[in-house]
C-alpha atoms as a PDB file:
ATOM      1  CA  UNK A   1      37.419  53.523  -5.101  1.00  0.00           C
ATOM      2  CA  UNK A   2      37.644  54.422  -1.463  1.00  0.00           C
ATOM      3  CA  UNK A   3      40.220  54.021   1.533  1.00  0.00           C
ATOM      4  CA  UNK A   4      38.178  51.597   4.050  1.00  0.00           C
ATOM      5  CA  UNK A   5      39.123  50.977   7.567  1.00  0.00           C
ATOM      6  CA  UNK A   6      37.077  47.899   8.814  1.00  0.00           C
ATOM      7  CA  UNK A   7      37.514  47.770  12.817  1.00  0.00           C
ATOM      8  CA  UNK A   8      41.257  48.369  12.056  1.00  0.00           C
ATOM      9  CA  UNK A   9      43.152  48.368  15.343  1.00  0.00           C
ATOM     10  CA  UNK A  10      47.040  48.985  16.120  1.00  0.00           C
ATOM     11  CA  UNK A  11      48.663  48.268  19.175  1.00  0.00           C
ATOM     12  CA  UNK A  12      52.278  48.850  19.999  1.00  0.00           C
ATOM     13  CA  UNK A  13      54.557  45.881  20.460  1.00  0.00           C
ATOM     14  CA  UNK A  14      54.049  46.296  24.402  1.00  0.00           C
ATOM     15  CA  UNK A  15      50.560  45.634  23.801  1.00  0.00           C
ATOM     16  CA  UNK A  16      49.298  49.540  24.411  1.00  0.00           C
ATOM     17  CA  UNK A  17      46.290  50.200  21.901  1.00  0.00           C
ATOM     18  CA  UNK A  18      46.608  53.325  19.806  1.00  0.00           C
ATOM     19  CA  UNK A  19      43.606  52.831  17.707  1.00  0.00           C
ATOM     20  CA  UNK A  20      40.915  50.420  18.550  1.00  0.00           C
ATOM     21  CA  UNK A  21      38.350  49.083  16.161  1.00  0.00           C
ATOM     22  CA  UNK A  22      38.230  52.385  13.720  1.00  0.00           C
ATOM     23  CA  UNK A  23      36.020  51.538  11.004  1.00  0.00           C
ATOM     24  CA  UNK A  24      36.030  54.601   8.096  1.00  0.00           C
ATOM     25  CA  UNK A  25      35.565  55.059   4.666  1.00  0.00           C
ATOM     26  CA  UNK A  26      37.107  58.139   2.706  1.00  0.00           C
ATOM     27  CA  UNK A  27      35.785  58.489  -0.953  1.00  0.00           C
ATOM     28  CA  UNK A  28      37.374  60.014  -3.481  1.00  0.00           C
ATOM     29  CA  UNK A  29      37.069  63.683  -3.836  1.00  0.00           C
ATOM     30  CA  UNK A  30      35.994  64.297   0.076  1.00  0.00           C
ATOM     31  CA  UNK A  31      37.322  66.594   2.404  1.00  0.00           C
ATOM     32  CA  UNK A  32      37.394  64.827   5.773  1.00  0.00           C
ATOM     33  CA  UNK A  33      39.033  66.515   8.983  1.00  0.00           C
ATOM     34  CA  UNK A  34      40.210  63.974  11.959  1.00  0.00           C
ATOM     35  CA  UNK A  35      40.119  65.890  15.312  1.00  0.00           C
ATOM     36  CA  UNK A  36      40.566  65.113  19.028  1.00  0.00           C
ATOM     37  CA  UNK A  37      42.953  65.582  21.720  1.00  0.00           C
ATOM     38  CA  UNK A  38      46.615  64.444  21.759  1.00  0.00           C
ATOM     39  CA  UNK A  39      46.767  60.893  22.011  1.00  0.00           C
ATOM     40  CA  UNK A  40      43.229  60.233  20.714  1.00  0.00           C
ATOM     41  CA  UNK A  41      44.758  58.133  17.775  1.00  0.00           C
ATOM     42  CA  UNK A  42      44.375  60.709  14.825  1.00  0.00           C
ATOM     43  CA  UNK A  43      48.122  59.791  13.745  1.00  0.00           C
ATOM     44  CA  UNK A  44      47.675  56.326  13.922  1.00  0.00           C
ATOM     45  CA  UNK A  45      44.678  56.331  11.919  1.00  0.00           C
ATOM     46  CA  UNK A  46      46.087  58.151   8.990  1.00  0.00           C
ATOM     47  CA  UNK A  47      49.323  56.322   8.825  1.00  0.00           C
ATOM     48  CA  UNK A  48      47.085  53.259   8.700  1.00  0.00           C
ATOM     49  CA  UNK A  49      45.451  54.948   5.785  1.00  0.00           C
ATOM     50  CA  UNK A  50      48.763  55.087   3.717  1.00  0.00           C
ATOM     51  CA  UNK A  51      50.612  52.185   4.825  1.00  0.00           C
ATOM     52  CA  UNK A  52      53.242  53.830   7.323  1.00  0.00           C
ATOM     53  CA  UNK A  53      51.788  51.415   9.757  1.00  0.00           C
ATOM     54  CA  UNK A  54      49.830  48.205   9.068  1.00  0.00           C
ATOM     55  CA  UNK A  55      46.656  47.213  11.674  1.00  0.00           C
ATOM     56  CA  UNK A  56      47.255  44.693  14.127  1.00  0.00           C
ATOM     57  CA  UNK A  57      43.783  43.227  13.664  1.00  0.00           C
ATOM     58  CA  UNK A  58      41.049  44.646  11.112  1.00  0.00           C
ATOM     59  CA  UNK A  59      41.695  45.498   7.938  1.00  0.00           C
ATOM     60  CA  UNK A  60      42.544  48.698   5.617  1.00  0.00           C
ATOM     61  CA  UNK A  61      41.967  48.593   1.982  1.00  0.00           C
ATOM     62  CA  UNK A  62      42.727  51.211  -0.594  1.00  0.00           C
ATOM     63  CA  UNK A  63      41.106  50.659  -3.943  1.00  0.00           C
ATOM     64  CA  UNK A  64      39.799  47.257  -2.711  1.00  0.00           C
ATOM     65  CA  UNK A  65      43.355  46.038  -1.929  1.00  0.00           C
ATOM     66  CA  UNK A  66      44.852  45.306   1.880  1.00  0.00           C
ATOM     67  CA  UNK A  67      47.389  47.501   2.736  1.00  0.00           C
ATOM     68  CA  UNK A  68      48.977  44.175   3.897  1.00  0.00           C
ATOM     69  CA  UNK A  69      49.415  42.967   0.616  1.00  0.00           C
ATOM     70  CA  UNK A  70      51.450  46.317  -0.686  1.00  0.00           C
ATOM     71  CA  UNK A  71      54.699  47.850   0.659  1.00  0.00           C
ATOM     72  CA  UNK A  72      54.559  51.534   1.843  1.00  0.00           C
ATOM     73  CA  UNK A  73      56.176  52.619  -1.266  1.00  0.00           C
ATOM     74  CA  UNK A  74      53.683  51.461  -3.195  1.00  0.00           C
ATOM     75  CA  UNK A  75      50.767  52.716  -1.234  1.00  0.00           C
ATOM     76  CA  UNK A  76      52.464  56.133  -1.304  1.00  0.00           C
ATOM     77  CA  UNK A  77      51.692  56.568  -4.951  1.00  0.00           C
ATOM     78  CA  UNK A  78      48.133  56.000  -4.373  1.00  0.00           C
ATOM     79  CA  UNK A  79      48.258  58.302  -0.846  1.00  0.00           C
ATOM     80  CA  UNK A  80      50.398  60.787   0.038  1.00  0.00           C
ATOM     81  CA  UNK A  81      51.407  62.176   3.480  1.00  0.00           C
ATOM     82  CA  UNK A  82      52.575  65.638   4.118  1.00  0.00           C
ATOM     83  CA  UNK A  83      54.130  65.578   7.837  1.00  0.00           C
ATOM     84  CA  UNK A  84      53.549  68.302  10.104  1.00  0.00           C
ATOM     85  CA  UNK A  85      57.205  69.500   9.808  1.00  0.00           C
ATOM     86  CA  UNK A  86      58.426  69.689   6.422  1.00  0.00           C
ATOM     87  CA  UNK A  87      61.761  69.337   7.613  1.00  0.00           C
ATOM     88  CA  UNK A  88      60.967  65.754   8.012  1.00  0.00           C
ATOM     89  CA  UNK A  89      60.313  65.685   4.504  1.00  0.00           C
ATOM     90  CA  UNK A  90      62.726  67.937   2.305  1.00  0.00           C
ATOM     91  CA  UNK A  91      66.097  66.941   1.595  1.00  0.00           C
ATOM     92  CA  UNK A  92      67.494  67.976  -1.224  1.00  0.00           C
ATOM     93  CA  UNK A  93      69.402  71.507  -2.097  1.00  0.00           C
ATOM     94  CA  UNK A  94      66.545  73.267  -4.137  1.00  0.00           C
ATOM     95  CA  UNK A  95      63.032  73.476  -4.434  1.00  0.00           C
ATOM     96  CA  UNK A  96      63.449  72.348  -8.075  1.00  0.00           C
ATOM     97  CA  UNK A  97      65.158  69.102  -7.311  1.00  0.00           C
ATOM     98  CA  UNK A  98      62.592  68.292  -4.254  1.00  0.00           C
ATOM     99  CA  UNK A  99      60.066  68.452  -6.879  1.00  0.00           C
ATOM    100  CA  UNK A 100      62.080  66.426  -9.449  1.00  0.00           C
ATOM    101  CA  UNK A 101      62.564  63.701  -6.960  1.00  0.00           C
ATOM    102  CA  UNK A 102      59.674  61.652  -7.595  1.00  0.00           C
ATOM    103  CA  UNK A 103      59.737  61.656 -11.424  1.00  0.00           C
ATOM    104  CA  UNK A 104      63.203  60.653 -11.378  1.00  0.00           C
ATOM    105  CA  UNK A 105      62.901  57.905  -9.183  1.00  0.00           C
ATOM    106  CA  UNK A 106      60.061  56.350 -11.017  1.00  0.00           C
ATOM    107  CA  UNK A 107      61.712  56.974 -14.317  1.00  0.00           C
ATOM    108  CA  UNK A 108      59.065  59.478 -15.853  1.00  0.00           C
ATOM    109  CA  UNK A 109      59.662  60.600 -19.332  1.00  0.00           C
ATOM    110  CA  UNK A 110      60.874  64.674 -19.251  1.00  0.00           C
ATOM    111  CA  UNK A 111      57.237  65.545 -20.751  1.00  0.00           C
ATOM    112  CA  UNK A 112      55.058  64.061 -17.889  1.00  0.00           C
ATOM    113  CA  UNK A 113      57.823  65.051 -15.154  1.00  0.00           C
ATOM    114  CA  UNK A 114      57.727  68.707 -16.420  1.00  0.00           C
ATOM    115  CA  UNK A 115      53.701  68.509 -16.618  1.00  0.00           C
ATOM    116  CA  UNK A 116      53.251  67.365 -12.833  1.00  0.00           C
ATOM    117  CA  UNK A 117      55.864  69.223 -11.721  1.00  0.00           C
ATOM    118  CA  UNK A 118      54.682  72.529 -13.276  1.00  0.00           C
ATOM    119  CA  UNK A 119      51.267  71.711 -11.852  1.00  0.00           C
ATOM    120  CA  UNK A 120      52.077  71.215  -8.022  1.00  0.00           C
ATOM    121  CA  UNK A 121      54.231  74.676  -8.664  1.00  0.00           C
ATOM    122  CA  UNK A 122      51.528  76.356 -10.039  1.00  0.00           C
ATOM    123  CA  UNK A 123      48.963  74.903  -7.180  1.00  0.00           C
ATOM    124  CA  UNK A 124      51.344  75.903  -4.539  1.00  0.00           C
ATOM    125  CA  UNK A 125      52.660  79.192  -5.312  1.00  0.00           C
ATOM    126  CA  UNK A 126      56.209  78.214  -5.833  1.00  0.00           C
ATOM    127  CA  UNK A 127      57.416  79.957  -9.113  1.00  0.00           C
ATOM    128  CA  UNK A 128      59.607  82.442  -7.142  1.00  0.00           C
ATOM    129  CA  UNK A 129      61.555  79.821  -5.036  1.00  0.00           C
ATOM    130  CA  UNK A 130      62.600  76.872  -7.681  1.00  0.00           C
ATOM    131  CA  UNK A 131      66.156  77.435  -7.319  1.00  0.00           C
ATOM    132  CA  UNK A 132      66.079  78.405  -3.763  1.00  0.00           C
ATOM    133  CA  UNK A 133      67.612  75.899  -1.082  1.00  0.00           C
ATOM    134  CA  UNK A 134      64.442  74.770   0.927  1.00  0.00           C
ATOM    135  CA  UNK A 135      66.699  75.486   4.134  1.00  0.00           C
ATOM    136  CA  UNK A 136      66.623  79.336   3.229  1.00  0.00           C
ATOM    137  CA  UNK A 137      62.790  79.634   2.930  1.00  0.00           C
ATOM    138  CA  UNK A 138      60.305  80.563   5.768  1.00  0.00           C
ATOM    139  CA  UNK A 139      58.329  77.599   7.431  1.00  0.00           C
ATOM    140  CA  UNK A 140      55.142  78.760   5.317  1.00  0.00           C
ATOM    141  CA  UNK A 141      57.018  78.325   2.122  1.00  0.00           C
ATOM    142  CA  UNK A 142      58.605  75.055   3.289  1.00  0.00           C
ATOM    143  CA  UNK A 143      55.092  73.752   3.869  1.00  0.00           C
ATOM    144  CA  UNK A 144      54.025  74.092   0.679  1.00  0.00           C
ATOM    145  CA  UNK A 145      57.323  72.792  -1.047  1.00  0.00           C
ATOM    146  CA  UNK A 146      56.599  69.413   1.117  1.00  0.00           C
ATOM    147  CA  UNK A 147      52.819  69.406  -0.394  1.00  0.00           C
ATOM    148  CA  UNK A 148      53.969  70.231  -3.637  1.00  0.00           C
ATOM    149  CA  UNK A 149      56.527  67.339  -3.413  1.00  0.00           C
ATOM    150  CA  UNK A 150      53.687  64.976  -2.816  1.00  0.00           C
ATOM    151  CA  UNK A 151      51.615  66.341  -5.114  1.00  0.00           C
ATOM    152  CA  UNK A 152      53.912  65.777  -7.958  1.00  0.00           C
ATOM    153  CA  UNK A 153      53.240  61.920  -7.590  1.00  0.00           C
ATOM    154  CA  UNK A 154      49.703  62.306  -8.623  1.00  0.00           C
ATOM    155  CA  UNK A 155      48.224  60.488  -5.611  1.00  0.00           C
ATOM    156  CA  UNK A 156      44.461  60.073  -5.349  1.00  0.00           C
ATOM    157  CA  UNK A 157      44.212  60.970  -1.638  1.00  0.00           C
ATOM    158  CA  UNK A 158      46.220  63.407   0.310  1.00  0.00           C
ATOM    159  CA  UNK A 159      46.837  63.533   3.952  1.00  0.00           C
ATOM    160  CA  UNK A 160      47.704  66.930   5.870  1.00  0.00           C
ATOM    161  CA  UNK A 161      49.213  66.805   9.331  1.00  0.00           C
ATOM    162  CA  UNK A 162      48.524  69.971  10.971  1.00  0.00           C
ATOM    163  CA  UNK A 163      49.007  71.889   7.843  1.00  0.00           C
ATOM    164  CA  UNK A 164      47.982  75.544   9.279  1.00  0.00           C
ATOM    165  CA  UNK A 165      50.798  75.371  11.769  1.00  0.00           C
ATOM    166  CA  UNK A 166      53.339  78.042  10.821  1.00  0.00           C
ATOM    167  CA  UNK A 167      51.017  79.480   7.890  1.00  0.00           C
ATOM    168  CA  UNK A 168      50.431  83.318   7.898  1.00  0.00           C
ATOM    169  CA  UNK A 169      47.234  84.620   6.529  1.00  0.00           C
ATOM    170  CA  UNK A 170      48.097  84.615   2.914  1.00  0.00           C
ATOM    171  CA  UNK A 171      49.355  80.822   3.204  1.00  0.00           C
ATOM    172  CA  UNK A 172      46.042  79.762   4.931  1.00  0.00           C
ATOM    173  CA  UNK A 173      44.316  81.372   1.882  1.00  0.00           C
ATOM    174  CA  UNK A 174      46.443  79.518  -0.800  1.00  0.00           C
ATOM    175  CA  UNK A 175      45.808  76.368   1.236  1.00  0.00           C
ATOM    176  CA  UNK A 176      42.044  76.775   1.022  1.00  0.00           C
ATOM    177  CA  UNK A 177      42.381  77.259  -2.479  1.00  0.00           C
ATOM    178  CA  UNK A 178      44.545  74.278  -3.023  1.00  0.00           C
ATOM    179  CA  UNK A 179      41.892  72.236  -1.072  1.00  0.00           C
ATOM    180  CA  UNK A 180      39.270  73.340  -3.424  1.00  0.00           C
ATOM    181  CA  UNK A 181      41.337  72.462  -6.355  1.00  0.00           C
ATOM    182  CA  UNK A 182      42.040  68.829  -5.087  1.00  0.00           C
ATOM    183  CA  UNK A 183      38.780  68.259  -4.462  1.00  0.00           C
ATOM    184  CA  UNK A 184      37.532  69.638  -8.101  1.00  0.00           C
ATOM    185  CA  UNK A 185      40.291  67.201  -9.264  1.00  0.00           C
ATOM    186  CA  UNK A 186      38.561  64.292  -7.826  1.00  0.00           C
ATOM    187  CA  UNK A 187      41.379  64.198  -4.766  1.00  0.00           C
ATOM    188  CA  UNK A 188      40.521  63.088  -1.298  1.00  0.00           C
ATOM    189  CA  UNK A 189      42.033  65.570   1.115  1.00  0.00           C
ATOM    190  CA  UNK A 190      42.389  64.132   4.970  1.00  0.00           C
ATOM    191  CA  UNK A 191      43.733  66.466   7.285  1.00  0.00           C
ATOM    192  CA  UNK A 192      44.339  65.863  11.335  1.00  0.00           C
ATOM    193  CA  UNK A 193      44.390  69.289  12.906  1.00  0.00           C
ATOM    194  CA  UNK A 194      43.370  71.077  16.222  1.00  0.00           C
ATOM    195  CA  UNK A 195      42.608  74.172  14.350  1.00  0.00           C
ATOM    196  CA  UNK A 196      38.819  74.134  14.296  1.00  0.00           C
ATOM    197  CA  UNK A 197      38.479  77.084  12.318  1.00  0.00           C
ATOM    198  CA  UNK A 198      40.394  75.420   9.666  1.00  0.00           C
ATOM    199  CA  UNK A 199      38.120  72.770   9.854  1.00  0.00           C
ATOM    200  CA  UNK A 200      34.927  74.859   9.354  1.00  0.00           C
ATOM    201  CA  UNK A 201      36.181  76.820   6.638  1.00  0.00           C
ATOM    202  CA  UNK A 202      37.736  74.185   4.513  1.00  0.00           C
ATOM    203  CA  UNK A 203      36.026  70.846   5.307  1.00  0.00           C
ATOM    204  CA  UNK A 204      32.630  69.266   4.860  1.00  0.00           C
ATOM    205  CA  UNK A 205      33.068  66.111   7.224  1.00  0.00           C
ATOM    206  CA  UNK A 206      34.489  65.706  10.539  1.00  0.00           C
ATOM    207  CA  UNK A 207      35.659  62.702  12.304  1.00  0.00           C
ATOM    208  CA  UNK A 208      35.986  63.363  16.155  1.00  0.00           C
ATOM    209  CA  UNK A 209      38.326  60.592  17.918  1.00  0.00           C
ATOM    210  CA  UNK A 210      38.835  59.873  21.626  1.00  0.00           C
ATOM    211  CA  UNK A 211      41.012  57.208  23.109  1.00  0.00           C
ATOM    212  CA  UNK A 212      41.664  55.689  20.078  1.00  0.00           C
ATOM    213  CA  UNK A 213      38.264  55.338  18.804  1.00  0.00           C
ATOM    214  CA  UNK A 214      35.878  57.333  16.542  1.00  0.00           C
ATOM    215  CA  UNK A 215      33.031  59.036  18.761  1.00  0.00           C
ATOM    216  CA  UNK A 216      31.713  60.831  15.791  1.00  0.00           C
ATOM    217  CA  UNK A 217      31.428  61.088  12.024  1.00  0.00           C
ATOM    218  CA  UNK A 218      29.419  63.581  10.576  1.00  0.00           C
ATOM    219  CA  UNK A 219      29.045  67.113   8.823  1.00  0.00           C
ATOM    220  CA  UNK A 220      30.847  70.098  10.458  1.00  0.00           C
ATOM    221  CA  UNK A 221      27.664  71.360  11.981  1.00  0.00           C
ATOM    222  CA  UNK A 222      26.424  68.280  13.276  1.00  0.00           C
ATOM    223  CA  UNK A 223      29.505  67.415  15.086  1.00  0.00           C
ATOM    224  CA  UNK A 224      30.134  70.971  16.642  1.00  0.00           C
ATOM    225  CA  UNK A 225      26.406  71.030  17.781  1.00  0.00           C
ATOM    226  CA  UNK A 226      26.943  67.865  19.911  1.00  0.00           C
ATOM    227  CA  UNK A 227      27.986  68.953  23.216  1.00  0.00           C
ATOM    228  CA  UNK A 228      28.679  65.248  24.309  1.00  0.00           C
ATOM    229  CA  UNK A 229      31.160  64.660  21.385  1.00  0.00           C
ATOM    230  CA  UNK A 230      32.974  67.717  22.190  1.00  0.00           C
ATOM    231  CA  UNK A 231      33.335  66.748  25.625  1.00  0.00           C
ATOM    232  CA  UNK A 232      34.434  63.276  24.868  1.00  0.00           C
ATOM    233  CA  UNK A 233      36.834  64.427  22.301  1.00  0.00           C
ATOM    234  CA  UNK A 234      37.867  67.016  24.387  1.00  0.00           C
ATOM    235  CA  UNK A 235      37.775  69.860  21.542  1.00  0.00           C
ATOM    236  CA  UNK A 236      36.210  73.156  21.359  1.00  0.00           C
ATOM    237  CA  UNK A 237      33.530  74.477  19.446  1.00  0.00           C
ATOM    238  CA  UNK A 238      34.855  76.942  16.845  1.00  0.00           C
ATOM    239  CA  UNK A 239      34.746  80.413  17.913  1.00  0.00           C
ATOM    240  CA  UNK A 240      31.973  81.599  15.996  1.00  0.00           C
ATOM    241  CA  UNK A 241      29.615  78.643  16.518  1.00  0.00           C
ATOM    242  CA  UNK A 242      30.590  79.434  20.444  1.00  0.00           C
ATOM    243  CA  UNK A 243      29.491  83.023  19.942  1.00  0.00           C
ATOM    244  CA  UNK A 244      25.998  81.910  18.412  1.00  0.00           C
ATOM    245  CA  UNK A 245      25.633  79.891  21.624  1.00  0.00           C
ATOM    246  CA  UNK A 246      26.516  82.352  23.819  1.00  0.00           C
ATOM    247  CA  UNK A 247      24.290  85.143  22.296  1.00  0.00           C
ATOM    248  CA  UNK A 248      21.146  82.827  22.023  1.00  0.00           C
ATOM    249  CA  UNK A 249      20.808  83.017  18.390  1.00  0.00           C
ATOM    250  CA  UNK A 250      18.975  80.315  16.708  1.00  0.00           C
ATOM    251  CA  UNK A 251      21.152  78.875  14.360  1.00  0.00           C
ATOM    252  CA  UNK A 252      24.049  76.398  13.796  1.00  0.00           C
ATOM    253  CA  UNK A 253      26.062  78.747  11.734  1.00  0.00           C
ATOM    254  CA  UNK A 254      30.202  78.037  11.843  1.00  0.00           C
ATOM    255  CA  UNK A 255      30.956  81.122   9.664  1.00  0.00           C
ATOM    256  CA  UNK A 256      30.601  84.774  10.564  1.00  0.00           C
ATOM    257  CA  UNK A 257      28.700  85.036   7.209  1.00  0.00           C
ATOM    258  CA  UNK A 258      25.970  82.761   7.884  1.00  0.00           C
ATOM    259  CA  UNK A 259      25.152  84.527  11.305  1.00  0.00           C
ATOM    260  CA  UNK A 260      23.903  87.759   9.835  1.00  0.00           C
ATOM    261  CA  UNK A 261      20.646  86.114   8.234  1.00  0.00           C
ATOM    262  CA  UNK A 262      19.704  84.228  11.578  1.00  0.00           C
ATOM    263  CA  UNK A 263      19.747  87.625  13.803  1.00  0.00           C
ATOM    264  CA  UNK A 264      16.296  88.106  14.401  1.00  0.00           C
END
């Protein structure tokens, strides 16, 4: 069953509205990018999805159960959250102990622990780093340590907060392969990002936000072709799509490889 936000809103104690009446559904195996300027409500929305915040009005349900009925720790078993800064998550002295933490906390047997850790290590390319202190690793690798630590928990939804920040080209390729595999495994991936190229390369659905509300929800091609939406959300059209417009090529292509067939 999906994550469902039904007219969900969140207000800070002083009454300031961070999110206003957001209605949104994320199904199993979906790839959803949430975009918009700073302050649009993206981070608050995803924190409502994983129970770090509880709605002040409306409802958020995960697999049919309201988040208000469950602890954040319980929700995290279904919805994993990878912070933008891996140092906000990593706290042990080696990659191996970091990945072992959740299985030991949940008292899994050795066989299950080893299986889940091995899978996360393979997906995130961490085989050479298991005995290394994460603090001694470059930011691009620490990012994948944080992702792997979440994946070990066997969550059904994964939220990635600005995952491309600090990644080099090999890291971006690994991230795209990882997202492909998660979708193949039926795991939903939600990202909040300012990287529009990453959105068009890796995601099928875009949710654009502005001033705490959803202003568009559709395919990449639909959202990035809508000038009014881009203006409201204060986001830029991806470079390839803008090039297509500037050259007057009659296509809504978002990737360079897709332009060639459309050139007269």
